[in-house]
C-alpha atoms as a PDB file:
ATOM      1  CA  MET A   1      15.201  20.801  12.611  1.00  0.00           C
ATOM      2  CA  SER A   2      11.741  19.366  12.354  1.00  0.00           C
ATOM      3  CA  MET A   3       8.477  20.620  14.731  1.00  0.00           C
ATOM      4  CA  ILE A   4       5.733  18.838  16.476  1.00  0.00           C
ATOM      5  CA  ARG A   5       3.517  21.028  18.390  1.00  0.00           C
ATOM      6  CA  VAL A   6       1.229  19.440  21.173  1.00  0.00           C
ATOM      7  CA  VAL A   7      -2.311  21.116  21.451  1.00  0.00           C
ATOM      8  CA  TRP A   8      -5.023  20.493  23.653  1.00  0.00           C
ATOM      9  CA  GLY A   9      -8.900  21.512  23.931  1.00  0.00           C
ATOM     10  CA  THR A  10     -12.091  20.730  25.069  1.00  0.00           C
ATOM     11  CA  GLY A  11     -15.387  21.729  23.948  1.00  0.00           C
ATOM     12  CA  SER A  12     -19.321  20.796  24.272  1.00  0.00           C
ATOM     13  CA  GLY A  13     -22.248  20.843  21.668  1.00  0.00           C
ATOM     14  CA  PRO A  14     -25.681  19.195  21.037  1.00  0.00           C
ATOM     15  CA  THR A  15     -24.073  16.288  19.116  1.00  0.00           C
ATOM     16  CA  LYS A  16     -20.827  14.216  19.234  1.00  0.00           C
ATOM     17  CA  MET A  17     -19.644  15.958  16.186  1.00  0.00           C
ATOM     18  CA  ALA A  18     -20.313  19.279  17.476  1.00  0.00           C
ATOM     19  CA  SER A  19     -18.595  19.146  20.454  1.00  0.00           C
ATOM     20  CA  TYR A  20     -15.651  17.568  18.642  1.00  0.00           C
ATOM     21  CA  ASP A  21     -15.306  20.693  16.546  1.00  0.00           C
ATOM     22  CA  ALA A  22     -15.536  23.065  19.165  1.00  0.00           C
ATOM     23  CA  ALA A  23     -12.450  20.962  21.053  1.00  0.00           C
ATOM     24  CA  LEU A  24     -10.303  21.297  17.634  1.00  0.00           C
ATOM     25  CA  ALA A  25     -11.329  25.093  17.713  1.00  0.00           C
ATOM     26  CA  ASP A  26     -10.355  25.234  21.212  1.00  0.00           C
ATOM     27  CA  ALA A  27      -6.784  23.827  20.420  1.00  0.00           C
ATOM     28  CA  GLY A  28      -6.934  25.660  17.244  1.00  0.00           C
ATOM     29  CA  VAL A  29      -7.114  23.236  14.589  1.00  0.00           C
ATOM     30  CA  GLU A  30     -10.447  23.410  13.257  1.00  0.00           C
ATOM     31  CA  ASN A  31     -10.013  24.097   9.951  1.00  0.00           C
ATOM     32  CA  TYR A  32      -7.519  21.127   8.732  1.00  0.00           C
ATOM     33  CA  ASN A  33      -8.175  17.845   7.437  1.00  0.00           C
ATOM     34  CA  LEU A  34      -6.712  15.621  10.355  1.00  0.00           C
ATOM     35  CA  VAL A  35      -4.691  12.419   9.112  1.00  0.00           C
ATOM     36  CA  ALA A  36      -4.068  10.187  12.323  1.00  0.00           C
ATOM     37  CA  VAL A  37      -0.694   8.231  12.244  1.00  0.00           C
ATOM     38  CA  SER A  38       0.696   6.064  15.012  1.00  0.00           C
ATOM     39  CA  SER A  39       2.916   6.933  17.605  1.00  0.00           C
ATOM     40  CA  VAL A  40       6.650   7.475  16.461  1.00  0.00           C
ATOM     41  CA  ILE A  41       8.563  10.982  17.020  1.00  0.00           C
ATOM     42  CA  PRO A  42      11.205  10.974  14.086  1.00  0.00           C
ATOM     43  CA  ALA A  43      14.837  11.759  15.196  1.00  0.00           C
ATOM     44  CA  ASP A  44      16.058  15.338  15.405  1.00  0.00           C
ATOM     45  CA  THR A  45      12.658  16.788  15.901  1.00  0.00           C
ATOM     46  CA  ASP A  46      12.010  19.414  18.571  1.00  0.00           C
ATOM     47  CA  VAL A  47       8.528  18.620  20.404  1.00  0.00           C
ATOM     48  CA  GLU A  48       6.836  21.637  22.055  1.00  0.00           C
ATOM     49  CA  ALA A  49       3.277  21.633  24.136  1.00  0.00           C
ATOM     50  CA  VAL A  50       1.832  25.220  23.064  1.00  0.00           C
ATOM     51  CA  GLY A  51      -1.678  24.307  24.198  1.00  0.00           C
ATOM     52  CA  THR A  52      -3.659  25.989  20.887  1.00  0.00           C
ATOM     53  CA  ALA A  53      -1.750  25.734  17.509  1.00  0.00           C
ATOM     54  CA  PRO A  54      -0.991  28.834  15.334  1.00  0.00           C
ATOM     55  CA  ASP A  55      -1.566  29.322  11.867  1.00  0.00           C
ATOM     56  CA  LEU A  56      -0.442  26.339  10.484  1.00  0.00           C
ATOM     57  CA  GLY A  57      -1.286  26.801   6.295  1.00  0.00           C
ATOM     58  CA  PRO A  58      -4.991  27.234   4.434  1.00  0.00           C
ATOM     59  CA  ALA A  59      -8.388  25.923   5.711  1.00  0.00           C
ATOM     60  CA  GLY A  60      -8.737  22.400   4.315  1.00  0.00           C
ATOM     61  CA  ASP A  61      -5.344  21.371   4.493  1.00  0.00           C
ATOM     62  CA  ARG A  62      -4.033  17.889   5.367  1.00  0.00           C
ATOM     63  CA  LEU A  63      -2.293  17.937   8.923  1.00  0.00           C
ATOM     64  CA  THR A  64      -0.610  14.966  10.088  1.00  0.00           C
ATOM     65  CA  VAL A  65      -1.540  14.281  14.351  1.00  0.00           C
ATOM     66  CA  VAL A  66      -1.659  11.468  16.994  1.00  0.00           C
ATOM     67  CA  GLU A  67      -4.409  12.242  18.353  1.00  0.00           C
ATOM     68  CA  ALA A  68      -6.116  11.322  22.403  1.00  0.00           C
ATOM     69  CA  ARG A  69      -9.746  12.100  22.094  1.00  0.00           C
ATOM     70  CA  ALA A  70     -12.961  11.091  24.300  1.00  0.00           C
ATOM     71  CA  THR A  71     -16.503  12.062  23.775  1.00  0.00           C
ATOM     72  CA  THR A  72     -19.398  11.391  26.356  1.00  0.00           C
ATOM     73  CA  ALA A  73     -23.011  12.387  26.643  1.00  0.00           C
ATOM     74  CA  GLY A  74     -23.534  14.333  29.997  1.00  0.00           C
ATOM     75  CA  PRO A  75     -23.905  13.951  32.611  1.00  0.00           C
ATOM     76  CA  GLY A  76     -20.377  12.542  32.822  1.00  0.00           C
ATOM     77  CA  ARG A  77     -16.710  13.082  31.925  1.00  0.00           C
ATOM     78  CA  ALA A  78     -14.251  12.904  29.053  1.00  0.00           C
ATOM     79  CA  SER A  79     -10.477  12.596  29.435  1.00  0.00           C
ATOM     80  CA  ALA A  80      -7.546  12.391  27.243  1.00  0.00           C
ATOM     81  CA  ALA A  81      -3.916  11.958  27.310  1.00  0.00           C
ATOM     82  CA  LEU A  82      -1.056  12.578  25.834  1.00  0.00           C
ATOM     83  CA  ALA A  83       2.281  11.398  26.748  1.00  0.00           C
ATOM     84  CA  TRP A  84       6.134  11.253  24.913  1.00  0.00           C
ATOM     85  CA  ASN A  85       9.629  11.010  25.446  1.00  0.00           C
ATOM     86  CA  GLN A  86      12.301  10.900  23.280  1.00  0.00           C
ATOM     87  CA  SER A  87      16.071   9.584  22.903  1.00  0.00           C
ATOM     88  CA  VAL A  88      18.565  11.375  24.729  1.00  0.00           C
ATOM     89  CA  ASP A  89      20.835  11.506  21.972  1.00  0.00           C
ATOM     90  CA  GLY A  90      18.807  13.393  19.359  1.00  0.00           C
ATOM     91  CA  GLY A  91      17.141   9.792  18.104  1.00  0.00           C
ATOM     92  CA  PRO A  92      13.691   8.804  17.675  1.00  0.00           C
ATOM     93  CA  GLY A  93      10.827   8.824  20.272  1.00  0.00           C
ATOM     94  CA  LEU A  94       7.175   8.204  21.311  1.00  0.00           C
ATOM     95  CA  PHE A  95       3.883   9.309  21.872  1.00  0.00           C
ATOM     96  CA  TYR A  96       1.280   7.199  23.311  1.00  0.00           C
ATOM     97  CA  GLU A  97      -2.302   8.104  23.847  1.00  0.00           C
ATOM     98  CA  THR A  98      -5.049   7.149  25.975  1.00  0.00           C
ATOM     99  CA  ALA A  99      -8.991   8.640  26.170  1.00  0.00           C
ATOM    100  CA  GLY A 100     -12.145   7.728  27.548  1.00  0.00           C
ATOM    101  CA  GLU A 101     -15.256   8.399  30.490  1.00  0.00           C
ATOM    102  CA  MET A 102     -12.765   8.382  33.290  1.00  0.00           C
ATOM    103  CA  ASP A 103     -11.261  11.036  35.369  1.00  0.00           C
ATOM    104  CA  ARG A 104      -8.048  13.243  34.716  1.00  0.00           C
ATOM    105  CA  ASP A 105      -6.028  10.803  37.391  1.00  0.00           C
ATOM    106  CA  ASP A 106      -7.020   7.575  35.709  1.00  0.00           C
ATOM    107  CA  VAL A 107      -6.173   8.697  32.294  1.00  0.00           C
ATOM    108  CA  GLU A 108      -2.681  10.019  33.463  1.00  0.00           C
ATOM    109  CA  ARG A 109      -1.878   7.151  34.978  1.00  0.00           C
ATOM    110  CA  ARG A 110      -2.598   4.793  32.034  1.00  0.00           C
ATOM    111  CA  VAL A 111      -1.023   6.910  29.528  1.00  0.00           C
ATOM    112  CA  ARG A 112       2.410   6.716  31.611  1.00  0.00           C
ATOM    113  CA  GLU A 113       1.592   2.989  31.923  1.00  0.00           C
ATOM    114  CA  GLY A 114       1.339   2.748  28.344  1.00  0.00           C
ATOM    115  CA  LEU A 115       4.048   4.604  27.302  1.00  0.00           C
ATOM    116  CA  GLU A 116       6.209   2.886  29.791  1.00  0.00           C
ATOM    117  CA  ALA A 117       5.467  -0.561  27.782  1.00  0.00           C
ATOM    118  CA  GLY A 118       6.371   1.405  24.553  1.00  0.00           C
ATOM    119  CA  GLN A 119       9.394   2.214  25.809  1.00  0.00           C
ATOM    120  CA  GLU A 120      10.288  -1.394  26.903  1.00  0.00           C
ATOM    121  CA  LEU A 121       9.943  -2.588  23.068  1.00  0.00           C
ATOM    122  CA  ARG A 122      12.298  -0.434  22.021  1.00  0.00           C
ATOM    123  CA  ASP A 123      16.300  -0.166  22.617  1.00  0.00           C
ATOM    124  CA  TRP A 124      16.610   3.853  22.614  1.00  0.00           C
ATOM    125  CA  PRO A 125      17.701   5.286  26.073  1.00  0.00           C
ATOM    126  CA  PHE A 126      14.844   7.849  26.650  1.00  0.00           C
ATOM    127  CA  ASP A 127      14.839  11.153  28.332  1.00  0.00           C
ATOM    128  CA  ASP A 128      11.854  11.693  31.108  1.00  0.00           C
ATOM    129  CA  PRO A 129       8.561  11.670  30.248  1.00  0.00           C
ATOM    130  CA  SER A 130       6.195  14.548  29.361  1.00  0.00           C
ATOM    131  CA  VAL A 131       2.387  14.430  29.771  1.00  0.00           C
ATOM    132  CA  VAL A 132      -0.531  16.767  28.858  1.00  0.00           C
ATOM    133  CA  VAL A 133      -4.208  15.595  30.314  1.00  0.00           C
ATOM    134  CA  GLU A 134      -7.334  17.797  29.342  1.00  0.00           C
ATOM    135  CA  SER A 135     -10.515  16.824  30.959  1.00  0.00           C
ATOM    136  CA  SER A 136     -14.018  18.142  30.636  1.00  0.00           C
ATOM    137  CA  ARG A 137     -17.126  17.292  32.516  1.00  0.00           C
ATOM    138  CA  ALA A 138     -20.317  17.135  30.205  1.00  0.00           C
ATOM    139  CA  ASP A 139     -23.737  18.424  31.332  1.00  0.00           C
ATOM    140  CA  ALA A 140     -26.654  16.543  30.983  1.00  0.00           C
ATOM    141  CA  GLY A 141     -28.677  16.944  27.291  1.00  0.00           C
ATOM    142  CA  THR A 142     -25.079  17.965  25.731  1.00  0.00           C
ATOM    143  CA  TYR A 143     -21.454  16.130  24.645  1.00  0.00           C
ATOM    144  CA  THR A 144     -18.276  17.075  25.556  1.00  0.00           C
ATOM    145  CA  THR A 145     -14.977  16.122  24.067  1.00  0.00           C
ATOM    146  CA  ALA A 146     -11.708  16.473  25.515  1.00  0.00           C
ATOM    147  CA  LEU A 147      -8.549  15.891  22.983  1.00  0.00           C
ATOM    148  CA  ALA A 148      -5.163  16.398  22.480  1.00  0.00           C
ATOM    149  CA  LEU A 149      -3.070  16.203  19.525  1.00  0.00           C
ATOM    150  CA  ALA A 150       0.581  16.165  18.365  1.00  0.00           C
ATOM    151  CA  VAL A 151       0.797  18.145  15.196  1.00  0.00           C
ATOM    152  CA  TYR A 152       3.686  17.238  13.060  1.00  0.00           C
ATOM    153  CA  GLY A 153       5.083  20.169  11.003  1.00  0.00           C
ATOM    154  CA  GLU A 154       2.794  21.884   8.884  1.00  0.00           C
ATOM    155  CA  SER A 155      -0.324  21.500   6.482  1.00  0.00           C
ATOM    156  CA  GLU A 156       0.012  20.352   3.456  1.00  0.00           C
ATOM    157  CA  PRO A 157      -2.033  20.619   0.234  1.00  0.00           C
ATOM    158  CA  ILE A 158      -4.887  17.908   0.322  1.00  0.00           C
ATOM    159  CA  CYS A 159      -5.338  17.884  -3.741  1.00  0.00           C
END
């Protein structure tokens, strides 16, 4: 059976990219080239919220992800949420992501609304949803990134 791990993190730095890299490090995926995909979970796939990714392969490899990511300049708040649910019969499922300069409750409400809308477009009998929310304040003079990622399997060579 295939595995998708849900990881999350926050980070701050002097630039947008530095704060993003720090958030990736907090989630354990800073050494991979991320390739974003849309939000469908293949059938017969386990989804597990792990927080920080284990070793998924050599540095520089490609890692397939669904990403919720927000970066803000301080003072402010960055929040990211990833919600998912799967068919009750082991069939496919959905991820939905929402992120922005908003508070934790607002980003969670919005991602749940998005997931419900996605469910209405499909004829699958869904299980109960799961949600991960990451939120952090940015201090004046710094950038802060909050992210949540669904990481599909392990890394693959990029060339």
